[in-house]
Amino acid sequence: MKEYDEIIRQKGLPEVGQIVLSKKYDTLWRVIEKREWWADLGKDPKTKEPRWTHAIYINYWRIQKGVEPGMGKTMGFLYTLHDNTFEENWTIVS
């Protein structure tokens, strides 16, 4: 459990219900799901054994006028300690 808490803390990931802004598309999204997950790192080059690391999966719902919650576009991403994709792509709005 500590590994997942550390990802959330270090990456500054949002909580369920918070709104984030996509830096790439300038659109608003609500966090509708956040859960612990495992990310595949591919096979070890020497042993050919599979490698896994702790990750946090966040599912987003796009906020649009006239579209009721639960309808419309959603997307999800995995975040690990080994990437900066949340910081590069999102800003927490509220």
N, C-alpha and C. Protein backbone atom coordinates (compact mmCIF):
# COMPACT_ATOMS: atom_id res chain seq x y z
N MET A 1 0.83 -1.20 0.00
CA MET A 1 0.00 0.00 0.00
C MET A 1 0.86 1.26 0.00
N LYS A 2 2.00 1.21 0.64
CA LYS A 2 2.87 2.39 0.70
C LYS A 2 3.30 2.85 -0.69
N GLU A 3 3.53 1.91 -1.59
CA GLU A 3 3.99 2.26 -2.93
C GLU A 3 2.94 3.10 -3.66
N TYR A 4 1.67 2.73 -3.52
CA TYR A 4 0.61 3.47 -4.19
C TYR A 4 0.45 4.87 -3.58
N ASP A 5 0.52 4.96 -2.27
CA ASP A 5 0.44 6.26 -1.60
C ASP A 5 1.58 7.17 -2.04
N GLU A 6 2.75 6.59 -2.25
CA GLU A 6 3.91 7.36 -2.66
C GLU A 6 3.73 7.91 -4.08
N ILE A 7 3.14 7.13 -4.97
CA ILE A 7 2.86 7.62 -6.33
C ILE A 7 1.91 8.81 -6.27
N ILE A 8 0.85 8.68 -5.50
CA ILE A 8 -0.15 9.75 -5.38
C ILE A 8 0.49 11.01 -4.80
N ARG A 9 1.34 10.83 -3.78
CA ARG A 9 1.97 11.97 -3.12
C ARG A 9 2.99 12.66 -4.04
N GLN A 10 3.90 11.88 -4.60
CA GLN A 10 4.97 12.46 -5.42
C GLN A 10 4.45 13.09 -6.71
N LYS A 11 3.46 12.48 -7.30
CA LYS A 11 2.94 12.98 -8.58
C LYS A 11 1.85 14.02 -8.41
N GLY A 12 1.34 14.19 -7.19
CA GLY A 12 0.29 15.18 -6.96
C GLY A 12 -0.98 14.84 -7.71
N LEU A 13 -1.34 13.57 -7.72
CA LEU A 13 -2.51 13.12 -8.48
C LEU A 13 -3.80 13.61 -7.83
N PRO A 14 -4.82 13.90 -8.65
CA PRO A 14 -6.09 14.41 -8.12
C PRO A 14 -6.91 13.30 -7.47
N GLU A 15 -7.89 13.71 -6.69
CA GLU A 15 -8.83 12.79 -6.05
C GLU A 15 -10.06 12.63 -6.95
N VAL A 16 -10.83 11.59 -6.71
CA VAL A 16 -12.08 11.39 -7.44
C VAL A 16 -12.99 12.59 -7.17
N GLY A 17 -13.59 13.12 -8.22
CA GLY A 17 -14.47 14.29 -8.11
C GLY A 17 -13.78 15.59 -8.47
N GLN A 18 -12.46 15.61 -8.45
CA GLN A 18 -11.77 16.85 -8.81
C GLN A 18 -11.81 17.05 -10.32
N ILE A 19 -11.65 18.31 -10.72
CA ILE A 19 -11.65 18.68 -12.14
C ILE A 19 -10.23 19.04 -12.55
N VAL A 20 -9.83 18.53 -13.72
CA VAL A 20 -8.50 18.82 -14.26
C VAL A 20 -8.64 19.41 -15.65
N LEU A 21 -7.63 20.16 -16.05
CA LEU A 21 -7.59 20.79 -17.37
C LEU A 21 -6.55 20.08 -18.22
N SER A 22 -6.94 19.67 -19.42
CA SER A 22 -6.00 19.08 -20.37
C SER A 22 -5.17 20.22 -20.97
N LYS A 23 -3.86 20.17 -20.78
CA LYS A 23 -2.99 21.21 -21.32
C LYS A 23 -2.94 21.14 -22.85
N LYS A 24 -3.08 19.95 -23.39
CA LYS A 24 -2.97 19.77 -24.83
C LYS A 24 -4.21 20.28 -25.56
N TYR A 25 -5.40 19.99 -25.02
CA TYR A 25 -6.65 20.33 -25.73
C TYR A 25 -7.44 21.46 -25.08
N ASP A 26 -6.98 21.95 -23.90
CA ASP A 26 -7.67 23.03 -23.19
C ASP A 26 -9.13 22.65 -22.91
N THR A 27 -9.34 21.41 -22.44
CA THR A 27 -10.68 20.92 -22.11
C THR A 27 -10.71 20.49 -20.65
N LEU A 28 -11.90 20.54 -20.05
CA LEU A 28 -12.06 20.16 -18.64
C LEU A 28 -12.54 18.72 -18.52
N TRP A 29 -11.99 18.02 -17.53
CA TRP A 29 -12.31 16.62 -17.28
C TRP A 29 -12.49 16.41 -15.78
N ARG A 30 -13.43 15.56 -15.41
CA ARG A 30 -13.65 15.21 -14.00
C ARG A 30 -13.07 13.81 -13.76
N VAL A 31 -12.37 13.67 -12.64
CA VAL A 31 -11.85 12.35 -12.25
C VAL A 31 -13.02 11.53 -11.72
N ILE A 32 -13.32 10.42 -12.39
CA ILE A 32 -14.46 9.60 -11.98
C ILE A 32 -14.04 8.27 -11.36
N GLU A 33 -12.76 7.94 -11.46
CA GLU A 33 -12.29 6.68 -10.87
C GLU A 33 -10.78 6.77 -10.65
N LYS A 34 -10.35 6.22 -9.52
CA LYS A 34 -8.91 6.13 -9.24
C LYS A 34 -8.69 4.83 -8.49
N ARG A 35 -7.76 4.00 -9.01
CA ARG A 35 -7.53 2.72 -8.35
C ARG A 35 -6.08 2.27 -8.49
N GLU A 36 -5.71 1.35 -7.62
CA GLU A 36 -4.38 0.76 -7.67
C GLU A 36 -4.33 -0.22 -8.82
N TRP A 37 -3.17 -0.26 -9.49
CA TRP A 37 -3.04 -1.11 -10.66
C TRP A 37 -1.59 -1.56 -10.77
N TRP A 38 -1.31 -2.44 -11.71
CA TRP A 38 0.05 -2.86 -12.02
C TRP A 38 0.36 -2.47 -13.46
N ALA A 39 1.52 -1.87 -13.68
CA ALA A 39 1.95 -1.49 -15.03
C ALA A 39 3.01 -2.48 -15.51
N ASP A 40 2.87 -2.92 -16.74
CA ASP A 40 3.80 -3.85 -17.36
C ASP A 40 5.05 -3.09 -17.82
N LEU A 41 6.21 -3.52 -17.36
CA LEU A 41 7.47 -2.89 -17.77
C LEU A 41 8.16 -3.68 -18.89
N GLY A 42 7.50 -4.71 -19.36
CA GLY A 42 8.10 -5.56 -20.39
C GLY A 42 8.97 -6.62 -19.74
N LYS A 43 9.56 -7.45 -20.57
CA LYS A 43 10.38 -8.56 -20.06
C LYS A 43 11.77 -8.07 -19.67
N ASP A 44 12.31 -8.68 -18.64
CA ASP A 44 13.69 -8.41 -18.23
C ASP A 44 14.61 -8.85 -19.36
N PRO A 45 15.54 -7.99 -19.80
CA PRO A 45 16.40 -8.33 -20.94
C PRO A 45 17.27 -9.58 -20.69
N LYS A 46 17.66 -9.79 -19.45
CA LYS A 46 18.54 -10.93 -19.14
C LYS A 46 17.77 -12.22 -18.91
N THR A 47 16.75 -12.16 -18.06
CA THR A 47 16.03 -13.38 -17.66
C THR A 47 14.80 -13.66 -18.51
N LYS A 48 14.34 -12.67 -19.24
CA LYS A 48 13.11 -12.76 -20.06
C LYS A 48 11.86 -12.95 -19.20
N GLU A 49 11.98 -12.73 -17.90
CA GLU A 49 10.83 -12.81 -17.00
C GLU A 49 10.04 -11.50 -17.08
N PRO A 50 8.71 -11.57 -16.92
CA PRO A 50 7.92 -10.32 -16.95
C PRO A 50 8.25 -9.44 -15.73
N ARG A 51 8.18 -8.13 -15.95
CA ARG A 51 8.42 -7.17 -14.87
C ARG A 51 7.20 -6.27 -14.72
N TRP A 52 6.86 -5.98 -13.47
CA TRP A 52 5.69 -5.16 -13.16
C TRP A 52 6.08 -4.11 -12.13
N THR A 53 5.35 -3.00 -12.13
CA THR A 53 5.55 -1.97 -11.11
C THR A 53 4.19 -1.45 -10.67
N HIS A 54 4.17 -0.86 -9.48
CA HIS A 54 2.93 -0.28 -8.96
C HIS A 54 2.54 0.92 -9.83
N ALA A 55 1.23 1.10 -9.98
CA ALA A 55 0.72 2.23 -10.77
C ALA A 55 -0.64 2.65 -10.20
N ILE A 56 -1.04 3.85 -10.56
CA ILE A 56 -2.37 4.36 -10.24
C ILE A 56 -3.08 4.59 -11.56
N TYR A 57 -4.27 4.02 -11.67
CA TYR A 57 -5.10 4.22 -12.86
C TYR A 57 -6.12 5.30 -12.54
N ILE A 58 -6.19 6.32 -13.41
CA ILE A 58 -7.19 7.38 -13.25
C ILE A 58 -8.05 7.42 -14.51
N ASN A 59 -9.36 7.41 -14.30
CA ASN A 59 -10.33 7.49 -15.39
C ASN A 59 -10.96 8.88 -15.36
N TYR A 60 -10.99 9.55 -16.51
CA TYR A 60 -11.51 10.90 -16.64
C TYR A 60 -12.78 10.91 -17.49
N TRP A 61 -13.70 11.82 -17.16
CA TRP A 61 -14.91 12.05 -17.95
C TRP A 61 -14.87 13.49 -18.42
N ARG A 62 -15.07 13.70 -19.72
CA ARG A 62 -15.02 15.06 -20.28
C ARG A 62 -16.28 15.83 -19.92
N ILE A 63 -16.09 17.03 -19.39
CA ILE A 63 -17.19 17.90 -19.01
C ILE A 63 -17.59 18.71 -20.23
N GLN A 64 -18.87 18.60 -20.62
CA GLN A 64 -19.40 19.36 -21.74
C GLN A 64 -20.78 19.87 -21.39
N LYS A 65 -21.09 21.09 -21.82
CA LYS A 65 -22.43 21.64 -21.59
C LYS A 65 -23.45 20.78 -22.31
N GLY A 66 -24.54 20.52 -21.61
CA GLY A 66 -25.62 19.75 -22.20
C GLY A 66 -25.43 18.24 -22.17
N VAL A 67 -24.29 17.78 -21.66
CA VAL A 67 -24.04 16.34 -21.58
C VAL A 67 -24.12 15.93 -20.11
N GLU A 68 -25.01 15.01 -19.81
CA GLU A 68 -25.21 14.57 -18.44
C GLU A 68 -24.04 13.72 -17.96
N PRO A 69 -23.79 13.73 -16.65
CA PRO A 69 -22.73 12.87 -16.10
C PRO A 69 -22.95 11.42 -16.48
N GLY A 70 -21.87 10.74 -16.81
CA GLY A 70 -21.96 9.34 -17.21
C GLY A 70 -22.14 9.16 -18.70
N MET A 71 -22.45 10.23 -19.40
CA MET A 71 -22.60 10.19 -20.86
C MET A 71 -21.41 10.93 -21.46
N GLY A 72 -21.05 10.58 -22.65
CA GLY A 72 -19.96 11.28 -23.32
C GLY A 72 -18.63 10.55 -23.21
N LYS A 73 -17.58 11.28 -23.52
CA LYS A 73 -16.25 10.70 -23.65
C LYS A 73 -15.58 10.48 -22.29
N THR A 74 -14.93 9.33 -22.15
CA THR A 74 -14.08 9.05 -21.00
C THR A 74 -12.74 8.53 -21.52
N MET A 75 -11.72 8.64 -20.67
CA MET A 75 -10.43 8.05 -21.00
C MET A 75 -9.67 7.81 -19.71
N GLY A 76 -8.76 6.86 -19.74
CA GLY A 76 -8.01 6.52 -18.54
C GLY A 76 -6.53 6.35 -18.83
N PHE A 77 -5.72 6.62 -17.80
CA PHE A 77 -4.27 6.52 -17.93
C PHE A 77 -3.67 5.91 -16.67
N LEU A 78 -2.52 5.26 -16.84
CA LEU A 78 -1.74 4.73 -15.73
C LEU A 78 -0.62 5.69 -15.40
N TYR A 79 -0.37 5.89 -14.10
CA TYR A 79 0.72 6.74 -13.65
C TYR A 79 1.60 5.95 -12.70
N THR A 80 2.92 6.03 -12.91
CA THR A 80 3.89 5.36 -12.05
C THR A 80 4.89 6.38 -11.53
N LEU A 81 5.78 5.94 -10.66
CA LEU A 81 6.83 6.83 -10.17
C LEU A 81 7.85 7.13 -11.28
N HIS A 82 7.83 6.34 -12.35
CA HIS A 82 8.85 6.45 -13.39
C HIS A 82 8.46 7.31 -14.57
N ASP A 83 7.35 8.04 -14.47
CA ASP A 83 6.95 8.90 -15.58
C ASP A 83 6.48 10.25 -15.06
N ASN A 84 6.40 11.22 -15.96
CA ASN A 84 5.93 12.57 -15.62
C ASN A 84 4.72 12.95 -16.45
N THR A 85 3.96 11.97 -16.90
CA THR A 85 2.88 12.27 -17.83
C THR A 85 1.74 13.07 -17.21
N PHE A 86 1.48 12.90 -15.91
CA PHE A 86 0.41 13.71 -15.32
C PHE A 86 0.81 15.18 -15.32
N GLU A 87 2.02 15.47 -14.86
CA GLU A 87 2.48 16.86 -14.79
C GLU A 87 2.57 17.51 -16.16
N GLU A 88 2.92 16.73 -17.16
CA GLU A 88 3.06 17.26 -18.52
C GLU A 88 1.74 17.54 -19.20
N ASN A 89 0.69 16.80 -18.82
CA ASN A 89 -0.57 16.86 -19.56
C ASN A 89 -1.75 17.47 -18.84
N TRP A 90 -1.69 17.61 -17.51
CA TRP A 90 -2.87 18.02 -16.74
C TRP A 90 -2.53 19.09 -15.72
N THR A 91 -3.54 19.93 -15.42
CA THR A 91 -3.48 20.89 -14.32
C THR A 91 -4.74 20.69 -13.49
N ILE A 92 -4.58 20.57 -12.17
CA ILE A 92 -5.75 20.43 -11.30
C ILE A 92 -6.42 21.79 -11.17
N VAL A 93 -7.71 21.87 -11.49
CA VAL A 93 -8.48 23.11 -11.45
C VAL A 93 -9.20 23.25 -10.12
N SER A 94 -9.87 22.20 -9.68
CA SER A 94 -10.57 22.25 -8.38
C SER A 94 -10.65 20.87 -7.76
